[in-house]
Every structure is written in C-alpha cells, then in structure tokens.
C-alpha atoms as a PDB file:
ATOM      1  CA  UNK A   1     -13.043  -1.758  10.790  1.00  0.00           C
ATOM      2  CA  UNK A   2     -10.482   1.244  11.067  1.00  0.00           C
ATOM      3  CA  UNK A   3      -9.643   3.317   8.188  1.00  0.00           C
ATOM      4  CA  UNK A   4      -6.235   5.210   7.287  1.00  0.00           C
ATOM      5  CA  UNK A   5      -6.177   8.680   6.039  1.00  0.00           C
ATOM      6  CA  UNK A   6      -7.463   9.280   2.334  1.00  0.00           C
ATOM      7  CA  UNK A   7      -4.795   8.633  -0.164  1.00  0.00           C
ATOM      8  CA  UNK A   8      -6.321   9.208  -3.688  1.00  0.00           C
ATOM      9  CA  UNK A   9      -9.657  11.298  -4.134  1.00  0.00           C
ATOM     10  CA  UNK A  10     -12.296  10.740  -6.883  1.00  0.00           C
ATOM     11  CA  UNK A  11     -15.450  12.780  -7.470  1.00  0.00           C
ATOM     12  CA  UNK A  12     -18.964  11.493  -8.485  1.00  0.00           C
ATOM     13  CA  UNK A  13     -19.838  14.950  -9.863  1.00  0.00           C
ATOM     14  CA  UNK A  14     -16.691  16.275 -11.005  1.00  0.00           C
ATOM     15  CA  UNK A  15     -18.316  19.036 -13.011  1.00  0.00           C
ATOM     16  CA  UNK A  16     -19.413  20.703  -9.840  1.00  0.00           C
ATOM     17  CA  UNK A  17     -15.944  21.468  -8.917  1.00  0.00           C
ATOM     18  CA  UNK A  18     -16.347  24.474 -11.492  1.00  0.00           C
ATOM     19  CA  UNK A  19     -17.987  26.376  -8.767  1.00  0.00           C
ATOM     20  CA  UNK A  20     -14.793  26.644  -6.945  1.00  0.00           C
ATOM     21  CA  UNK A  21     -14.095  29.240  -9.471  1.00  0.00           C
ATOM     22  CA  UNK A  22     -16.723  31.201  -7.854  1.00  0.00           C
ATOM     23  CA  UNK A  23     -15.243  30.957  -4.603  1.00  0.00           C
ATOM     24  CA  UNK A  24     -11.671  31.864  -6.025  1.00  0.00           C
ATOM     25  CA  UNK A  25     -13.572  34.821  -7.480  1.00  0.00           C
ATOM     26  CA  UNK A  26     -14.766  35.940  -4.103  1.00  0.00           C
ATOM     27  CA  UNK A  27     -11.453  35.473  -2.699  1.00  0.00           C
ATOM     28  CA  UNK A  28     -10.069  37.735  -5.313  1.00  0.00           C
ATOM     29  CA  UNK A  29     -12.902  40.241  -4.929  1.00  0.00           C
ATOM     30  CA  UNK A  30     -11.948  40.707  -1.195  1.00  0.00           C
ATOM     31  CA  UNK A  31      -8.255  40.805  -1.938  1.00  0.00           C
ATOM     32  CA  UNK A  32      -8.811  43.721  -4.307  1.00  0.00           C
ATOM     33  CA  UNK A  33     -10.978  45.688  -2.095  1.00  0.00           C
ATOM     34  CA  UNK A  34      -8.596  45.280   0.673  1.00  0.00           C
ATOM     35  CA  UNK A  35      -5.860  46.389  -1.726  1.00  0.00           C
ATOM     36  CA  UNK A  36      -8.085  49.609  -2.801  1.00  0.00           C
ATOM     37  CA  UNK A  37      -8.706  50.444   0.850  1.00  0.00           C
ATOM     38  CA  UNK A  38      -5.082  50.264   1.458  1.00  0.00           C
ATOM     39  CA  UNK A  39      -4.287  52.839  -1.541  1.00  0.00           C
ATOM     40  CA  UNK A  40      -6.967  55.197  -0.207  1.00  0.00           C
ATOM     41  CA  UNK A  41      -5.413  55.290   2.847  1.00  0.00           C
ATOM     42  CA  UNK A  42      -1.859  56.181   2.018  1.00  0.00           C
ATOM     43  CA  UNK A  43      -3.263  59.164   0.004  1.00  0.00           C
ATOM     44  CA  UNK A  44      -4.340  60.641   3.202  1.00  0.00           C
ATOM     45  CA  UNK A  45      -1.231  62.600   4.237  1.00  0.00           C
ATOM     46  CA  UNK A  46      -2.630  64.377   7.563  1.00  0.00           C
ATOM     47  CA  UNK A  47      -1.945  61.674  10.416  1.00  0.00           C
ATOM     48  CA  UNK A  48      -4.589  63.405  12.404  1.00  0.00           C
ATOM     49  CA  UNK A  49      -7.133  63.406   9.718  1.00  0.00           C
ATOM     50  CA  UNK A  50      -6.483  59.534   9.198  1.00  0.00           C
ATOM     51  CA  UNK A  51      -6.904  58.881  12.727  1.00  0.00           C
ATOM     52  CA  UNK A  52     -10.231  60.673  12.957  1.00  0.00           C
ATOM     53  CA  UNK A  53     -11.736  59.271   9.536  1.00  0.00           C
ATOM     54  CA  UNK A  54     -10.268  55.580  10.125  1.00  0.00           C
ATOM     55  CA  UNK A  55     -10.707  53.881  13.424  1.00  0.00           C
ATOM     56  CA  UNK A  56      -8.206  51.875  14.885  1.00  0.00           C
ATOM     57  CA  UNK A  57      -8.612  48.166  13.366  1.00  0.00           C
ATOM     58  CA  UNK A  58      -7.511  45.008  14.804  1.00  0.00           C
ATOM     59  CA  UNK A  59      -4.600  44.153  12.289  1.00  0.00           C
ATOM     60  CA  UNK A  60      -4.784  40.628  10.755  1.00  0.00           C
ATOM     61  CA  UNK A  61      -7.740  39.720  12.846  1.00  0.00           C
ATOM     62  CA  UNK A  62     -10.170  41.781  10.579  1.00  0.00           C
ATOM     63  CA  UNK A  63      -9.134  39.125   7.587  1.00  0.00           C
ATOM     64  CA  UNK A  64      -9.900  36.129   9.726  1.00  0.00           C
ATOM     65  CA  UNK A  65     -13.462  35.898   9.515  1.00  0.00           C
ATOM     66  CA  UNK A  66     -13.558  36.622   5.633  1.00  0.00           C
ATOM     67  CA  UNK A  67     -10.779  34.026   5.216  1.00  0.00           C
ATOM     68  CA  UNK A  68     -12.638  31.406   7.019  1.00  0.00           C
ATOM     69  CA  UNK A  69     -15.876  32.184   5.450  1.00  0.00           C
ATOM     70  CA  UNK A  70     -14.073  31.503   1.959  1.00  0.00           C
ATOM     71  CA  UNK A  71     -12.578  28.320   3.218  1.00  0.00           C
ATOM     72  CA  UNK A  72     -16.177  27.244   4.208  1.00  0.00           C
ATOM     73  CA  UNK A  73     -17.328  27.846   0.949  1.00  0.00           C
ATOM     74  CA  UNK A  74     -14.669  25.781  -0.539  1.00  0.00           C
ATOM     75  CA  UNK A  75     -15.122  22.801   1.580  1.00  0.00           C
ATOM     76  CA  UNK A  76     -18.945  22.763   0.954  1.00  0.00           C
ATOM     77  CA  UNK A  77     -18.301  22.903  -2.731  1.00  0.00           C
ATOM     78  CA  UNK A  78     -15.917  20.190  -2.795  1.00  0.00           C
ATOM     79  CA  UNK A  79     -18.403  17.904  -0.638  1.00  0.00           C
ATOM     80  CA  UNK A  80     -21.291  19.003  -3.279  1.00  0.00           C
ATOM     81  CA  UNK A  81     -19.059  17.192  -5.939  1.00  0.00           C
ATOM     82  CA  UNK A  82     -19.637  13.924  -4.051  1.00  0.00           C
ATOM     83  CA  UNK A  83     -15.883  13.271  -3.095  1.00  0.00           C
ATOM     84  CA  UNK A  84     -14.568   9.665  -2.235  1.00  0.00           C
ATOM     85  CA  UNK A  85     -11.376   8.566  -1.264  1.00  0.00           C
ATOM     86  CA  UNK A  86      -9.375   5.220  -1.512  1.00  0.00           C
ATOM     87  CA  UNK A  87      -8.314   4.322   2.128  1.00  0.00           C
ATOM     88  CA  UNK A  88      -6.600   1.051   3.528  1.00  0.00           C
ATOM     89  CA  UNK A  89      -8.827  -1.119   5.375  1.00  0.00           C
ATOM     90  CA  UNK A  90      -8.281  -4.766   7.157  1.00  0.00           C
ATOM     91  CA  UNK A  91      -8.974  -7.602   4.849  1.00  0.00           C
ATOM     92  CA  UNK A  92     -11.178 -10.114   6.559  1.00  0.00           C
ATOM     93  CA  UNK A  93     -10.190 -13.152   4.603  1.00  0.00           C
ATOM     94  CA  UNK A  94      -7.430 -13.978   1.909  1.00  0.00           C
ATOM     95  CA  UNK A  95      -5.760 -17.262   0.546  1.00  0.00           C
ATOM     96  CA  UNK A  96      -1.891 -16.981   0.916  1.00  0.00           C
ATOM     97  CA  UNK A  97       0.185 -19.740  -0.909  1.00  0.00           C
ATOM     98  CA  UNK A  98       3.907 -19.774  -0.011  1.00  0.00           C
ATOM     99  CA  UNK A  99       6.290 -21.169  -2.727  1.00  0.00           C
ATOM    100  CA  UNK A 100       9.641 -22.274  -1.430  1.00  0.00           C
ATOM    101  CA  UNK A 101      12.663 -22.970  -3.342  1.00  0.00           C
ATOM    102  CA  UNK A 102      14.165 -26.091  -1.976  1.00  0.00           C
ATOM    103  CA  UNK A 103      16.827 -26.647  -4.978  1.00  0.00           C
ATOM    104  CA  UNK A 104      20.418 -27.693  -3.927  1.00  0.00           C
ATOM    105  CA  UNK A 105      21.848 -24.073  -4.341  1.00  0.00           C
ATOM    106  CA  UNK A 106      19.803 -23.185  -1.003  1.00  0.00           C
ATOM    107  CA  UNK A 107      22.534 -24.924   0.987  1.00  0.00           C
ATOM    108  CA  UNK A 108      24.826 -22.203   0.050  1.00  0.00           C
ATOM    109  CA  UNK A 109      26.105 -20.262   3.288  1.00  0.00           C
ATOM    110  CA  UNK A 110      26.629 -16.754   2.071  1.00  0.00           C
ATOM    111  CA  UNK A 111      23.269 -16.402   4.360  1.00  0.00           C
ATOM    112  CA  UNK A 112      24.098 -18.001   7.799  1.00  0.00           C
ATOM    113  CA  UNK A 113      23.614 -20.523   9.009  1.00  0.00           C
ATOM    114  CA  UNK A 114      22.454 -21.299   5.319  1.00  0.00           C
ATOM    115  CA  UNK A 115      19.823 -19.855   2.579  1.00  0.00           C
ATOM    116  CA  UNK A 116      17.384 -22.970   3.227  1.00  0.00           C
ATOM    117  CA  UNK A 117      17.573 -22.775   7.021  1.00  0.00           C
ATOM    118  CA  UNK A 118      17.243 -19.032   7.376  1.00  0.00           C
ATOM    119  CA  UNK A 119      14.399 -19.191   4.812  1.00  0.00           C
ATOM    120  CA  UNK A 120      12.512 -22.052   6.644  1.00  0.00           C
ATOM    121  CA  UNK A 121      12.721 -19.796   9.804  1.00  0.00           C
ATOM    122  CA  UNK A 122      11.422 -16.714   8.202  1.00  0.00           C
ATOM    123  CA  UNK A 123       8.789 -18.400   6.278  1.00  0.00           C
ATOM    124  CA  UNK A 124       7.419 -20.045   9.506  1.00  0.00           C
ATOM    125  CA  UNK A 125       7.369 -16.718  11.324  1.00  0.00           C
ATOM    126  CA  UNK A 126       5.412 -15.191   8.183  1.00  0.00           C
ATOM    127  CA  UNK A 127       2.911 -17.809   8.418  1.00  0.00           C
ATOM    128  CA  UNK A 128       1.990 -17.443  12.098  1.00  0.00           C
ATOM    129  CA  UNK A 129       2.235 -14.038  11.641  1.00  0.00           C
ATOM    130  CA  UNK A 130      -0.806 -13.688   9.271  1.00  0.00           C
ATOM    131  CA  UNK A 131      -4.339 -12.907  10.290  1.00  0.00           C
ATOM    132  CA  UNK A 132      -5.867 -16.149  11.819  1.00  0.00           C
ATOM    133  CA  UNK A 133      -8.797 -15.976   9.151  1.00  0.00           C
ATOM    134  CA  UNK A 134      -6.312 -16.054   6.319  1.00  0.00           C
ATOM    135  CA  UNK A 135      -6.095 -19.834   4.524  1.00  0.00           C
ATOM    136  CA  UNK A 136      -2.249 -20.640   4.021  1.00  0.00           C
ATOM    137  CA  UNK A 137      -0.834 -23.188   1.768  1.00  0.00           C
ATOM    138  CA  UNK A 138       2.840 -24.436   1.027  1.00  0.00           C
ATOM    139  CA  UNK A 139       4.318 -25.541  -2.348  1.00  0.00           C
ATOM    140  CA  UNK A 140       8.053 -26.646  -2.546  1.00  0.00           C
ATOM    141  CA  UNK A 141       9.915 -26.619  -5.566  1.00  0.00           C
ATOM    142  CA  UNK A 142      13.180 -27.956  -7.052  1.00  0.00           C
ATOM    143  CA  UNK A 143      13.272 -30.056  -9.940  1.00  0.00           C
ATOM    144  CA  UNK A 144       9.505 -30.330  -9.677  1.00  0.00           C
ATOM    145  CA  UNK A 145       6.960 -28.460  -7.751  1.00  0.00           C
ATOM    146  CA  UNK A 146       4.432 -30.071  -5.273  1.00  0.00           C
ATOM    147  CA  UNK A 147       1.765 -28.845  -3.027  1.00  0.00           C
ATOM    148  CA  UNK A 148       2.939 -29.825   0.312  1.00  0.00           C
ATOM    149  CA  UNK A 149       0.414 -28.322   2.579  1.00  0.00           C
ATOM    150  CA  UNK A 150      -3.281 -27.517   1.155  1.00  0.00           C
ATOM    151  CA  UNK A 151      -4.687 -23.824   2.237  1.00  0.00           C
ATOM    152  CA  UNK A 152      -5.704 -23.902   5.783  1.00  0.00           C
ATOM    153  CA  UNK A 153      -6.074 -22.053   8.749  1.00  0.00           C
ATOM    154  CA  UNK A 154      -3.966 -24.502  10.673  1.00  0.00           C
ATOM    155  CA  UNK A 155      -0.744 -22.513  11.276  1.00  0.00           C
ATOM    156  CA  UNK A 156       1.042 -25.077  13.136  1.00  0.00           C
ATOM    157  CA  UNK A 157       0.507 -27.812  10.382  1.00  0.00           C
ATOM    158  CA  UNK A 158       1.937 -25.517   7.490  1.00  0.00           C
ATOM    159  CA  UNK A 159       4.760 -24.439   9.864  1.00  0.00           C
ATOM    160  CA  UNK A 160       5.589 -28.134  10.564  1.00  0.00           C
ATOM    161  CA  UNK A 161       5.575 -28.763   6.630  1.00  0.00           C
ATOM    162  CA  UNK A 162       8.002 -26.182   6.331  1.00  0.00           C
ATOM    163  CA  UNK A 163      10.389 -27.502   8.782  1.00  0.00           C
ATOM    164  CA  UNK A 164      10.307 -30.972   7.066  1.00  0.00           C
ATOM    165  CA  UNK A 165      11.001 -29.571   3.646  1.00  0.00           C
ATOM    166  CA  UNK A 166      13.801 -31.703   1.882  1.00  0.00           C
ATOM    167  CA  UNK A 167      16.108 -30.489  -0.713  1.00  0.00           C
ATOM    168  CA  UNK A 168      16.430 -31.475  -4.374  1.00  0.00           C
ATOM    169  CA  UNK A 169      17.901 -31.020  -7.561  1.00  0.00           C
ATOM    170  CA  UNK A 170      16.774 -28.069 -10.148  1.00  0.00           C
ATOM    171  CA  UNK A 171      14.678 -25.109  -9.909  1.00  0.00           C
ATOM    172  CA  UNK A 172      11.398 -25.115 -11.495  1.00  0.00           C
ATOM    173  CA  UNK A 173       9.839 -21.780 -10.861  1.00  0.00           C
ATOM    174  CA  UNK A 174       7.013 -21.928 -13.792  1.00  0.00           C
ATOM    175  CA  UNK A 175       5.703 -25.018 -12.431  1.00  0.00           C
ATOM    176  CA  UNK A 176       5.860 -23.706  -8.781  1.00  0.00           C
ATOM    177  CA  UNK A 177       3.619 -20.912  -9.852  1.00  0.00           C
ATOM    178  CA  UNK A 178       1.280 -23.094 -11.742  1.00  0.00           C
ATOM    179  CA  UNK A 179       0.977 -25.235  -8.900  1.00  0.00           C
ATOM    180  CA  UNK A 180       0.190 -22.493  -6.415  1.00  0.00           C
ATOM    181  CA  UNK A 181      -2.517 -21.043  -8.781  1.00  0.00           C
ATOM    182  CA  UNK A 182      -4.260 -24.597  -9.051  1.00  0.00           C
ATOM    183  CA  UNK A 183      -4.191 -24.905  -5.130  1.00  0.00           C
ATOM    184  CA  UNK A 184      -5.738 -21.425  -4.734  1.00  0.00           C
ATOM    185  CA  UNK A 185      -8.410 -22.155  -7.487  1.00  0.00           C
ATOM    186  CA  UNK A 186      -9.292 -25.389  -5.668  1.00  0.00           C
ATOM    187  CA  UNK A 187     -10.150 -23.294  -2.565  1.00  0.00           C
ATOM    188  CA  UNK A 188     -12.192 -20.986  -4.738  1.00  0.00           C
ATOM    189  CA  UNK A 189     -13.973 -23.647  -6.181  1.00  0.00           C
ATOM    190  CA  UNK A 190     -14.941 -24.924  -2.828  1.00  0.00           C
ATOM    191  CA  UNK A 191     -17.013 -21.603  -2.302  1.00  0.00           C
ATOM    192  CA  UNK A 192     -14.036 -19.501  -0.829  1.00  0.00           C
ATOM    193  CA  UNK A 193     -13.736 -16.427  -2.931  1.00  0.00           C
ATOM    194  CA  UNK A 194     -11.535 -14.714  -0.933  1.00  0.00           C
ATOM    195  CA  UNK A 195      -8.609 -12.823  -2.834  1.00  0.00           C
ATOM    196  CA  UNK A 196      -5.199 -14.908  -3.374  1.00  0.00           C
ATOM    197  CA  UNK A 197      -1.579 -13.790  -3.015  1.00  0.00           C
ATOM    198  CA  UNK A 198       1.232 -15.947  -4.088  1.00  0.00           C
ATOM    199  CA  UNK A 199       4.619 -15.602  -2.247  1.00  0.00           C
ATOM    200  CA  UNK A 200       7.365 -16.992  -3.980  1.00  0.00           C
ATOM    201  CA  UNK A 201      11.047 -17.377  -2.509  1.00  0.00           C
ATOM    202  CA  UNK A 202      13.939 -18.373  -4.804  1.00  0.00           C
ATOM    203  CA  UNK A 203      17.664 -17.837  -5.084  1.00  0.00           C
ATOM    204  CA  UNK A 204      18.138 -18.825  -8.986  1.00  0.00           C
ATOM    205  CA  UNK A 205      16.735 -18.914 -12.176  1.00  0.00           C
ATOM    206  CA  UNK A 206      14.474 -21.432 -13.793  1.00  0.00           C
ATOM    207  CA  UNK A 207      16.244 -24.717 -14.835  1.00  0.00           C
ATOM    208  CA  UNK A 208      13.784 -27.224 -15.678  1.00  0.00           C
ATOM    209  CA  UNK A 209       9.785 -27.542 -16.000  1.00  0.00           C
ATOM    210  CA  UNK A 210       7.494 -25.117 -17.728  1.00  0.00           C
ATOM    211  CA  UNK A 211       8.937 -21.709 -18.387  1.00  0.00           C
ATOM    212  CA  UNK A 212       8.541 -18.750 -16.035  1.00  0.00           C
ATOM    213  CA  UNK A 213       6.361 -17.004 -18.453  1.00  0.00           C
ATOM    214  CA  UNK A 214       4.008 -20.078 -18.688  1.00  0.00           C
ATOM    215  CA  UNK A 215       3.571 -19.665 -14.815  1.00  0.00           C
ATOM    216  CA  UNK A 216       3.192 -16.139 -14.994  1.00  0.00           C
ATOM    217  CA  UNK A 217       0.456 -16.321 -17.827  1.00  0.00           C
ATOM    218  CA  UNK A 218      -1.457 -18.669 -15.712  1.00  0.00           C
ATOM    219  CA  UNK A 219      -1.330 -16.336 -12.558  1.00  0.00           C
ATOM    220  CA  UNK A 220      -2.537 -13.417 -14.701  1.00  0.00           C
ATOM    221  CA  UNK A 221      -5.341 -15.366 -16.173  1.00  0.00           C
ATOM    222  CA  UNK A 222      -6.417 -16.293 -12.676  1.00  0.00           C
ATOM    223  CA  UNK A 223      -6.091 -12.861 -11.336  1.00  0.00           C
ATOM    224  CA  UNK A 224      -3.263 -13.925  -8.627  1.00  0.00           C
ATOM    225  CA  UNK A 225      -0.546 -11.720  -8.292  1.00  0.00           C
ATOM    226  CA  UNK A 226       2.730 -13.410  -7.541  1.00  0.00           C
ATOM    227  CA  UNK A 227       5.043 -11.510  -4.950  1.00  0.00           C
ATOM    228  CA  UNK A 228       8.647 -12.639  -5.491  1.00  0.00           C
ATOM    229  CA  UNK A 229      11.659 -12.900  -2.907  1.00  0.00           C
ATOM    230  CA  UNK A 230      15.131 -12.916  -4.428  1.00  0.00           C
ATOM    231  CA  UNK A 231      17.091 -14.452  -1.831  1.00  0.00           C
ATOM    232  CA  UNK A 232      20.656 -14.718  -1.302  1.00  0.00           C
ATOM    233  CA  UNK A 233      23.996 -12.703  -2.227  1.00  0.00           C
ATOM    234  CA  UNK A 234      25.793 -12.611  -5.690  1.00  0.00           C
ATOM    235  CA  UNK A 235      28.846 -14.166  -4.304  1.00  0.00           C
ATOM    236  CA  UNK A 236      26.732 -17.523  -3.030  1.00  0.00           C
ATOM    237  CA  UNK A 237      28.138 -20.853  -4.022  1.00  0.00           C
ATOM    238  CA  UNK A 238      27.899 -24.601  -2.925  1.00  0.00           C
ATOM    239  CA  UNK A 239      30.605 -27.169  -3.185  1.00  0.00           C
ATOM    240  CA  UNK A 240      29.815 -30.463  -5.086  1.00  0.00           C
ATOM    241  CA  UNK A 241      32.426 -33.306  -4.989  1.00  0.00           C
ATOM    242  CA  UNK A 242      35.193 -30.744  -4.213  1.00  0.00           C
ATOM    243  CA  UNK A 243      34.048 -28.396  -7.111  1.00  0.00           C
ATOM    244  CA  UNK A 244      33.104 -24.856  -6.375  1.00  0.00           C
ATOM    245  CA  UNK A 245      29.554 -24.071  -8.303  1.00  0.00           C
ATOM    246  CA  UNK A 246      28.493 -20.304  -8.313  1.00  0.00           C
ATOM    247  CA  UNK A 247      25.106 -19.921  -7.225  1.00  0.00           C
ATOM    248  CA  UNK A 248      24.296 -16.012  -7.646  1.00  0.00           C
ATOM    249  CA  UNK A 249      20.695 -14.726  -7.565  1.00  0.00           C
ATOM    250  CA  UNK A 250      18.781 -14.346 -10.891  1.00  0.00           C
ATOM    251  CA  UNK A 251      16.943 -11.287  -9.782  1.00  0.00           C
ATOM    252  CA  UNK A 252      15.902 -10.099 -13.112  1.00  0.00           C
ATOM    253  CA  UNK A 253      13.782 -13.373 -13.795  1.00  0.00           C
ATOM    254  CA  UNK A 254      12.030 -12.889 -10.226  1.00  0.00           C
ATOM    255  CA  UNK A 255      11.518  -9.281 -11.012  1.00  0.00           C
ATOM    256  CA  UNK A 256       9.931  -9.994 -14.274  1.00  0.00           C
ATOM    257  CA  UNK A 257       7.400 -12.514 -12.807  1.00  0.00           C
ATOM    258  CA  UNK A 258       6.374 -10.116 -10.084  1.00  0.00           C
ATOM    259  CA  UNK A 259       5.914  -7.277 -12.590  1.00  0.00           C
ATOM    260  CA  UNK A 260       3.988  -9.168 -15.030  1.00  0.00           C
ATOM    261  CA  UNK A 261       1.395 -10.959 -12.423  1.00  0.00           C
ATOM    262  CA  UNK A 262       1.065  -7.477 -10.579  1.00  0.00           C
ATOM    263  CA  UNK A 263       2.983  -8.464  -7.587  1.00  0.00           C
ATOM    264  CA  UNK A 264       5.657  -6.956  -5.764  1.00  0.00           C
ATOM    265  CA  UNK A 265       9.295  -7.779  -5.901  1.00  0.00           C
ATOM    266  CA  UNK A 266      11.820  -7.719  -2.981  1.00  0.00           C
ATOM    267  CA  UNK A 267      15.539  -8.623  -2.475  1.00  0.00           C
ATOM    268  CA  UNK A 268      16.723 -10.097   0.609  1.00  0.00           C
ATOM    269  CA  UNK A 269      20.577 -10.629   1.209  1.00  0.00           C
ATOM    270  CA  UNK A 270      20.377 -11.792   4.792  1.00  0.00           C
ATOM    271  CA  UNK A 271      18.202 -13.618   7.036  1.00  0.00           C
ATOM    272  CA  UNK A 272      17.352  -9.879   8.839  1.00  0.00           C
ATOM    273  CA  UNK A 273      16.382  -8.674   5.386  1.00  0.00           C
ATOM    274  CA  UNK A 274      14.360 -11.742   4.622  1.00  0.00           C
ATOM    275  CA  UNK A 275      12.250 -11.364   7.828  1.00  0.00           C
ATOM    276  CA  UNK A 276      11.537  -7.267   7.082  1.00  0.00           C
ATOM    277  CA  UNK A 277      10.590  -8.717   3.479  1.00  0.00           C
ATOM    278  CA  UNK A 278       8.008 -11.166   4.913  1.00  0.00           C
ATOM    279  CA  UNK A 279       6.671  -8.585   7.623  1.00  0.00           C
ATOM    280  CA  UNK A 280       6.254  -6.039   4.797  1.00  0.00           C
ATOM    281  CA  UNK A 281       4.348  -8.588   2.875  1.00  0.00           C
ATOM    282  CA  UNK A 282       2.376  -9.841   5.866  1.00  0.00           C
ATOM    283  CA  UNK A 283       1.001  -6.352   6.274  1.00  0.00           C
ATOM    284  CA  UNK A 284       0.334  -5.788   2.716  1.00  0.00           C
ATOM    285  CA  UNK A 285      -1.481  -8.859   2.172  1.00  0.00           C
ATOM    286  CA  UNK A 286      -3.546  -8.171   5.545  1.00  0.00           C
ATOM    287  CA  UNK A 287      -5.061  -4.835   3.955  1.00  0.00           C
ATOM    288  CA  UNK A 288      -6.855  -3.871   0.872  1.00  0.00           C
ATOM    289  CA  UNK A 289      -8.004  -0.587  -0.753  1.00  0.00           C
ATOM    290  CA  UNK A 290     -11.625   0.648  -0.778  1.00  0.00           C
ATOM    291  CA  UNK A 291     -13.461   3.526  -1.979  1.00  0.00           C
ATOM    292  CA  UNK A 292     -15.043   5.683   1.020  1.00  0.00           C
ATOM    293  CA  UNK A 293     -17.452   8.638   0.746  1.00  0.00           C
ATOM    294  CA  UNK A 294     -16.115  11.442   2.402  1.00  0.00           C
ATOM    295  CA  UNK A 295     -18.688  14.161   1.748  1.00  0.00           C
ATOM    296  CA  UNK A 296     -19.659  14.096   5.216  1.00  0.00           C
ATOM    297  CA  UNK A 297     -16.072  14.732   6.234  1.00  0.00           C
ATOM    298  CA  UNK A 298     -16.108  17.728   4.411  1.00  0.00           C
ATOM    299  CA  UNK A 299     -19.399  18.858   5.360  1.00  0.00           C
ATOM    300  CA  UNK A 300     -18.244  18.626   9.183  1.00  0.00           C
ATOM    301  CA  UNK A 301     -15.221  20.528   8.216  1.00  0.00           C
ATOM    302  CA  UNK A 302     -17.161  23.234   6.460  1.00  0.00           C
ATOM    303  CA  UNK A 303     -19.403  23.520   9.726  1.00  0.00           C
ATOM    304  CA  UNK A 304     -16.408  23.717  11.970  1.00  0.00           C
ATOM    305  CA  UNK A 305     -15.014  26.560   9.704  1.00  0.00           C
ATOM    306  CA  UNK A 306     -18.346  28.372   9.529  1.00  0.00           C
ATOM    307  CA  UNK A 307     -18.752  28.466  13.257  1.00  0.00           C
ATOM    308  CA  UNK A 308     -15.339  29.721  13.783  1.00  0.00           C
ATOM    309  CA  UNK A 309     -15.897  32.410  11.046  1.00  0.00           C
ATOM    310  CA  UNK A 310     -18.884  33.564  13.157  1.00  0.00           C
ATOM    311  CA  UNK A 311     -17.439  33.378  16.460  1.00  0.00           C
ATOM    312  CA  UNK A 312     -14.367  35.524  15.135  1.00  0.00           C
ATOM    313  CA  UNK A 313     -16.911  38.103  13.918  1.00  0.00           C
ATOM    314  CA  UNK A 314     -18.949  38.361  16.882  1.00  0.00           C
ATOM    315  CA  UNK A 315     -16.009  38.606  19.300  1.00  0.00           C
ATOM    316  CA  UNK A 316     -13.774  41.054  17.581  1.00  0.00           C
ATOM    317  CA  UNK A 317     -16.225  42.961  15.725  1.00  0.00           C
ATOM    318  CA  UNK A 318     -19.494  43.115  17.881  1.00  0.00           C
ATOM    319  CA  UNK A 319     -21.701  46.412  17.899  1.00  0.00           C
ATOM    320  CA  UNK A 320     -22.043  47.659  21.411  1.00  0.00           C
ATOM    321  CA  UNK A 321     -25.653  49.376  22.134  1.00  0.00           C
END
C-alpha cells in the first residue's frame, strides 16, 4: 500500500504542543545572548585588543549546531503530541454505478459526432479503466430509469451494455438516482460492504418521474455520494419534424444534486473534456483518505537533526589536546 505525503495533521495529545513554547523560549534566549555578545564586541574600540580578546570564529557556522538542536527539540515535542495525518491510500474495493442519460436530447450534435455517441465511448473507457476489484453497474434513464447491468467485475459485459443503449423520451434524473441506490444496496445486502460511488451523466433537467430532491434524499440516507457530469454546450439543439428544439444543459440541477449528496460536480463541453472528467473520477474513486500515525517519522527526523547538530559541533568546534 503506497501513501502520499501528509495533508491534514491531527494530534492525539494536543495539549503537549504547549511544550513548544519552551522550545521557542530557548530559541529566543539564544538569540538574545548572541545580540548581547554582539553589543559587547562593538564597545571594544581598539581593534588589536578586540582581536586578542575574541578569537576568530567561523561566522555563520557557529549558529548551526544550536539551530539544529532547537529544530531537534521541536520535532521531538511535536512527535510527543502523537501526531497523525490524513493520507491518500489505494482503495481495495468499491461499487461504482454509472447512470447515463439516453433521452432524445442526447442526439444533439454540438458534441461530435453526437452527445450520446461521445458519452458512450467515454463511459466505456471509464468502466474499463477502473481497478479490477471494483464492481461496476449501469443504469440508463430517459422517461424511466432501469438497471441495465447489475454491479459486476466483468468489464466487457458492462461495456457491451453501454454500447447497446437505446434512446427514449424524457429525462428522469430522480428515478435514475433511486435506481442506482437500490442497485448498490442490493450489493451491500449480499455482504459486499465496499463504499459506493454513483456517477451520473446528463444533459438536461428532470422532466418526468420523481423529483431530483427525492433521489438526492435517497442517496443521502444510504450514504452514497452522487458525482454529476453536465454534458453538452448551451447551444445544443435537436430537430424534431423540422422544428428546432433547444437542448441546453441544466447545470444548476446537476450541481445541486452533487452538492446535496456530498459528491463532485463536473462540466464537459466536448468529448475530450468528458474523457478527462471520467479520468479524474476514476482516480478519485480509486483512493480513500485514512489517518496514519506519523510520530515515528518525526522521531526519525529529530534523530537526523540531532546527529547533524552533534557532527557540526565536533567538526567545527573540537578541542585539540
């Protein structure tokens, strides 16, 4: 298991950090003594006398051992407070439910070759790119929502289901979220308690079925964040019986769904952006945040600083017999 660098620090014994005040006091005392010494030197006007009384010193090097010692004490004190850090670790298992809008508005060609074809391609790549241990399911929605592929580790099966999707009328976003939640709950009921992520792509607002707020409430109650992708441009349209019907993306609705459920919201204006969004989601879904004790790391740092302080003092300020 590979850990990234610490992000957020926490302390099991935070009151112990007050000892850092003592370390700061030592640092202040050292600076004060050095200033007093400097003041004393400037009072000696006779240069020859100054040279005889004060031997030549190695400049900045004389401050290095003390500085390293103070840093050593600071690191030891911080480690004494039992620190831990939030770090990103690879997730072993997860259930991802992909919900795809297959309403008629997805035939708009503002995204080449069309919204639906580009969405299918990107979704297939997303599914195939997830870790092999993840279960992936597919929900398709237009006027109704249906579980097309139950969660499985068979990537080819889910990709084939994506390719075979057919268009319909209406956009039932609320029903799609509820259907995705139920599919994930069925997996959990079978004993798989892996965390769930729902990824919903749509280009429009909710027009039929249950309200988006109902779907959001179901996701919140189940503890399943919904990541949404607003797909398409504001200038999209479809032609029905010679009549031009605008199909702008309803971004506020999708953004509100993600925010309410604790998920992320993305906007993709073209196929390239959509693939990048899916790539980001895959990376995020593949990791989780855990708290890791880092007191040993600080102890090791303090040890290195202490050795450096001792080494500098012995090399530069040794007393010859």
